[in-house]
Structures are given as C-alpha cells and as structure tokens.
Amino acid sequence: MAEADAALRTLAHNVRAARTRAGLSLDELGRRAKVSKGALVGLEKAQGNPNFATLVRLADTLGVSVSALLEGPAEGRARVVSADAVTPLWAGEQGGDARLMLTTSGPAPVEVWRWRLQPGEEYPSHPHQAGVAETVSVTAGRMVLVVDGTEHPVAAGQTATFDGDVPHTYRGAGDATCHLIMTVHLPPGPAV
C-alpha cells in the first residue's frame, strides 16, 4: 500500500507542476481535459484513483507524456525496465493488458508500451493532440488496428504507423494472444 501512496503523491506533484508550467488554472485544465474540477483537486492532493483514460487526457492537454505524470526524478543515465516491474495501466476483461515501459527524454519524447490482447479483446482510444504519431509492431499473434473507422490487419512481424489525432482501436484477432510493442511519438512540447 505504501508503494501505491508514493505513486499517487508523485502523480499529484507532477500534474500540479505540469499545470503550473502550462499556466492553467484547475478550471481551465478540467475544461480542456474533460475532467471535473473536483477530481483534479483530489488528484493534486494525492487522493482518488484516476483511470487510464483520464491520465491520457491530462497528459495530452498538458503536452507531456503519460509517464511524465507517473515517474519520479531520473536516477541515472541509463534505465532498464522489466515488464513484470511495471503495473498495467489498462487491463482488458479477457486478460489483456497494456504497460507503459518508459518514455524517452528530450523535446519530442517517445513512449514505449507493451500490450497483450486476447482474441476479440479491444481497446478504443480517443484522438490524441495534433502531432502525435503511433506505431504498433506485432511480435506474436494478430491484431486489427482500426484508424478513423478503417480496419487494418497487422500480423506478427508487421509494423503499422498512423497519426493518433483520430479515433483508433486495437483489437486482438485470430485464436492466440497478440503481443505488440506500441510507441507514441509526442510532438515537441514546452521546455521542462
């Protein structure tokens, strides 16, 4: 439980700092991110349990990566992350999951995600801010990538890319678990 409390305090600090850097009031951040002011007040007081979609909307609105909201200060020049050490940020009803492994630093960060999708399981995503590009590289199994209503089958050994500013969905296909690496390429943001 202490780990969860520490993670919530880190999230609270990072959201407040990013909001301050962006010059946004709680009301304005809430309006832009479609999150209630009460939820934001609670979040900045390290209270509550924001879901994955809320974290994505806040990150998009603040012009930062999801992991910039979740991570503490960097501990060195290199970072090695094990999938079993990262808590899933999305868990599907059939056992799939999504883990944000890390985010690169610099003016245009890249998030690296590991996903597992069971056959028929899907994750629909809202459009991201303009300039966000995503790639999906299927390492095992098959999936269907739906971008702005158009379905694109992607099999093991294939990679797809698309602009993330339109509705998109990841869906497991076939009869085996789909494993994929997803990257989210964020546009250059304000200097931190």
Protein backbone atom coordinates (compact mmCIF):
# COMPACT_ATOMS: atom_id res chain seq x y z
CA MET A 1 0.00 0.00 0.00
CA ALA A 2 2.90 2.36 0.71
CA GLU A 3 4.04 1.95 -2.92
CA ALA A 4 0.60 2.99 -4.22
CA ASP A 5 0.54 6.00 -1.88
CA ALA A 6 4.01 7.07 -3.07
CA ALA A 7 2.94 6.69 -6.72
CA LEU A 8 -0.16 8.81 -6.09
CA ARG A 9 1.95 11.52 -4.39
CA THR A 10 4.33 11.52 -7.38
CA LEU A 11 1.37 11.80 -9.78
CA ALA A 12 -0.10 14.65 -7.74
CA HIS A 13 3.19 16.56 -7.76
CA ASN A 14 3.75 16.01 -11.49
CA VAL A 15 0.22 17.07 -12.51
CA ARG A 16 0.41 20.22 -10.37
CA ALA A 17 3.89 21.09 -11.74
CA ALA A 18 2.85 20.49 -15.38
CA ARG A 19 -0.34 22.53 -14.88
CA THR A 20 1.66 25.37 -13.35
CA ARG A 21 4.24 25.28 -16.20
CA ALA A 22 1.38 25.40 -18.72
CA GLY A 23 -0.16 28.39 -16.89
CA LEU A 24 -3.53 26.65 -16.50
CA SER A 25 -5.98 27.03 -13.65
CA LEU A 26 -7.73 23.95 -12.31
CA ASP A 27 -10.91 25.12 -14.07
CA GLU A 28 -9.17 25.53 -17.42
CA LEU A 29 -7.31 22.22 -17.22
CA GLY A 30 -10.55 20.49 -16.27
CA ARG A 31 -12.42 22.08 -19.18
CA ARG A 32 -9.74 21.21 -21.75
CA ALA A 33 -9.12 17.67 -20.47
CA LYS A 34 -12.81 16.97 -19.76
CA VAL A 35 -12.06 16.13 -16.12
CA SER A 36 -14.11 17.59 -13.28
CA LYS A 37 -12.50 20.26 -11.12
CA GLY A 38 -13.29 18.16 -8.05
CA ALA A 39 -11.38 15.20 -9.49
CA LEU A 40 -8.42 17.46 -10.28
CA VAL A 41 -8.41 18.96 -6.78
CA GLY A 42 -8.42 15.45 -5.34
CA LEU A 43 -5.70 14.32 -7.71
CA GLU A 44 -3.44 17.24 -6.81
CA LYS A 45 -3.98 16.36 -3.13
CA ALA A 46 -2.88 12.75 -3.85
CA GLN A 47 -6.42 11.46 -3.36
CA GLY A 48 -8.52 9.33 -5.68
CA ASN A 49 -7.71 6.74 -8.30
CA PRO A 50 -7.65 8.21 -11.83
CA ASN A 51 -8.25 5.76 -14.66
CA PHE A 52 -6.05 5.32 -17.71
CA ALA A 53 -8.26 7.43 -20.00
CA THR A 54 -8.12 10.34 -17.52
CA LEU A 55 -4.31 10.14 -17.38
CA VAL A 56 -4.11 10.17 -21.20
CA ARG A 57 -6.44 13.19 -21.45
CA LEU A 58 -4.44 15.08 -18.80
CA ALA A 59 -1.12 14.26 -20.48
CA ASP A 60 -2.43 15.30 -23.90
CA THR A 61 -3.84 18.56 -22.52
CA LEU A 62 -0.64 19.36 -20.62
CA GLY A 63 1.58 18.46 -23.59
CA VAL A 64 3.52 15.80 -21.69
CA SER A 65 3.79 12.02 -21.80
CA VAL A 66 1.74 9.78 -19.54
CA SER A 67 4.95 8.59 -17.90
CA ALA A 68 6.00 12.19 -17.22
CA LEU A 69 2.96 12.29 -14.93
CA LEU A 70 3.81 8.96 -13.28
CA GLU A 71 7.59 8.89 -12.89
CA GLY A 72 9.79 10.29 -10.16
CA PRO A 73 13.09 12.01 -10.92
CA ALA A 74 15.59 10.22 -13.17
CA GLU A 75 18.13 8.11 -11.30
CA GLY A 76 20.91 7.86 -13.84
CA ARG A 77 21.99 7.96 -17.47
CA ALA A 78 20.53 4.57 -18.42
CA ARG A 79 17.35 2.90 -17.32
CA VAL A 80 16.45 -0.76 -17.75
CA VAL A 81 12.82 -1.65 -17.17
CA SER A 82 11.42 -5.17 -16.73
CA ALA A 83 7.81 -5.75 -17.83
CA ASP A 84 6.97 -7.52 -14.58
CA ALA A 85 8.09 -4.47 -12.61
CA VAL A 86 5.59 -2.18 -14.38
CA THR A 87 1.95 -2.10 -13.30
CA PRO A 88 -0.52 -2.37 -16.19
CA LEU A 89 -2.28 0.91 -16.95
CA TRP A 90 -5.03 -0.95 -18.81
CA ALA A 91 -6.42 -4.39 -18.07
CA GLY A 92 -8.86 -5.97 -20.51
CA GLU A 93 -11.83 -8.05 -19.47
CA GLN A 94 -10.33 -11.17 -21.08
CA GLY A 95 -6.84 -10.88 -19.56
CA GLY A 96 -5.08 -8.49 -21.92
CA ASP A 97 -3.05 -5.59 -20.58
CA ALA A 98 -1.01 -2.54 -21.51
CA ARG A 99 2.14 -1.46 -19.70
CA LEU A 100 3.93 1.85 -20.22
CA MET A 101 7.54 0.68 -20.11
CA LEU A 102 9.28 4.03 -20.39
CA THR A 103 9.36 7.41 -22.06
CA THR A 104 12.44 8.84 -23.69
CA SER A 105 13.61 12.29 -22.66
CA GLY A 106 14.16 15.28 -24.87
CA PRO A 107 11.97 17.82 -26.64
CA ALA A 108 9.91 15.18 -28.54
CA PRO A 109 9.57 12.19 -26.20
CA VAL A 110 8.56 8.69 -27.25
CA GLU A 111 6.51 6.39 -25.02
CA VAL A 112 7.22 2.65 -25.31
CA TRP A 113 4.33 0.33 -24.42
CA ARG A 114 3.96 -3.48 -24.20
CA TRP A 115 0.47 -4.79 -24.98
CA ARG A 116 -1.24 -8.16 -24.80
CA LEU A 117 -4.64 -8.55 -26.46
CA GLN A 118 -6.73 -11.69 -26.29
CA PRO A 119 -8.74 -12.70 -29.40
CA GLY A 120 -11.69 -10.33 -29.74
CA GLU A 121 -10.50 -8.06 -26.92
CA GLU A 122 -10.17 -4.41 -27.83
CA TYR A 123 -9.08 -1.07 -26.52
CA PRO A 124 -10.69 2.01 -28.13
CA SER A 125 -8.66 5.21 -27.81
CA HIS A 126 -9.86 8.76 -28.11
CA PRO A 127 -7.96 11.04 -30.51
CA HIS A 128 -4.72 12.49 -29.13
CA GLN A 129 -3.42 16.01 -29.63
CA ALA A 130 -2.33 17.03 -33.13
CA GLY A 131 1.18 15.88 -33.98
CA VAL A 132 1.03 12.58 -32.05
CA ALA A 133 2.04 9.56 -34.16
CA GLU A 134 1.75 5.93 -33.05
CA THR A 135 3.34 2.72 -34.26
CA VAL A 136 2.35 -0.85 -33.46
CA SER A 137 4.76 -3.74 -34.02
CA VAL A 138 3.16 -7.15 -33.57
CA THR A 139 5.65 -9.66 -32.15
CA ALA A 140 3.25 -12.63 -31.83
CA GLY A 141 -0.32 -13.32 -32.92
CA ARG A 142 -2.50 -10.98 -34.93
CA MET A 143 -4.47 -7.81 -34.37
CA VAL A 144 -6.76 -5.45 -36.19
CA LEU A 145 -5.85 -1.79 -35.99
CA VAL A 146 -8.85 0.45 -36.60
CA VAL A 147 -7.91 4.02 -37.55
CA ASP A 148 -10.71 6.51 -38.09
CA GLY A 149 -13.13 3.66 -38.88
CA THR A 150 -10.89 1.75 -41.31
CA GLU A 151 -9.65 -1.71 -40.29
CA HIS A 152 -6.02 -2.72 -40.91
CA PRO A 153 -4.97 -6.33 -40.14
CA VAL A 154 -1.47 -6.49 -38.61
CA ALA A 155 0.24 -9.87 -38.13
CA ALA A 156 3.38 -11.00 -36.30
CA GLY A 157 6.42 -9.41 -37.92
CA GLN A 158 4.47 -6.41 -39.23
CA THR A 159 4.53 -2.80 -38.06
CA ALA A 160 1.94 -0.10 -38.73
CA THR A 161 2.05 3.63 -38.10
CA PHE A 162 -0.65 6.29 -38.07
CA ASP A 163 -1.45 9.80 -36.88
CA GLY A 164 -3.00 9.49 -33.43
CA ASP A 165 -5.26 12.54 -33.69
CA VAL A 166 -8.21 10.43 -34.87
CA PRO A 167 -10.20 7.72 -33.05
CA HIS A 168 -8.33 4.40 -33.08
CA THR A 169 -8.79 0.93 -31.65
CA TYR A 170 -6.53 -2.07 -31.01
CA ARG A 171 -8.31 -5.43 -31.32
CA GLY A 172 -6.90 -8.92 -30.81
CA ALA A 173 -7.55 -11.22 -33.79
CA GLY A 174 -7.11 -14.88 -34.60
CA ASP A 175 -7.12 -17.57 -31.93
CA ALA A 176 -3.96 -16.72 -29.95
CA THR A 177 -2.82 -13.88 -27.71
CA CYS A 178 -1.48 -10.90 -29.66
CA HIS A 179 1.72 -9.37 -28.27
CA LEU A 180 2.77 -5.97 -29.54
CA ILE A 181 5.06 -3.06 -28.87
CA MET A 182 3.41 0.31 -29.32
CA THR A 183 5.26 3.61 -29.47
CA VAL A 184 3.65 7.00 -29.07
CA HIS A 185 5.69 9.80 -30.63
CA LEU A 186 4.81 13.07 -28.95
CA PRO A 187 5.31 16.43 -30.63
CA PRO A 188 7.90 18.76 -29.16
CA GLY A 189 6.50 20.38 -26.04
CA PRO A 190 7.43 23.25 -23.81
CA ALA A 191 10.84 23.09 -22.20
CA VAL A 192 10.69 21.48 -18.78
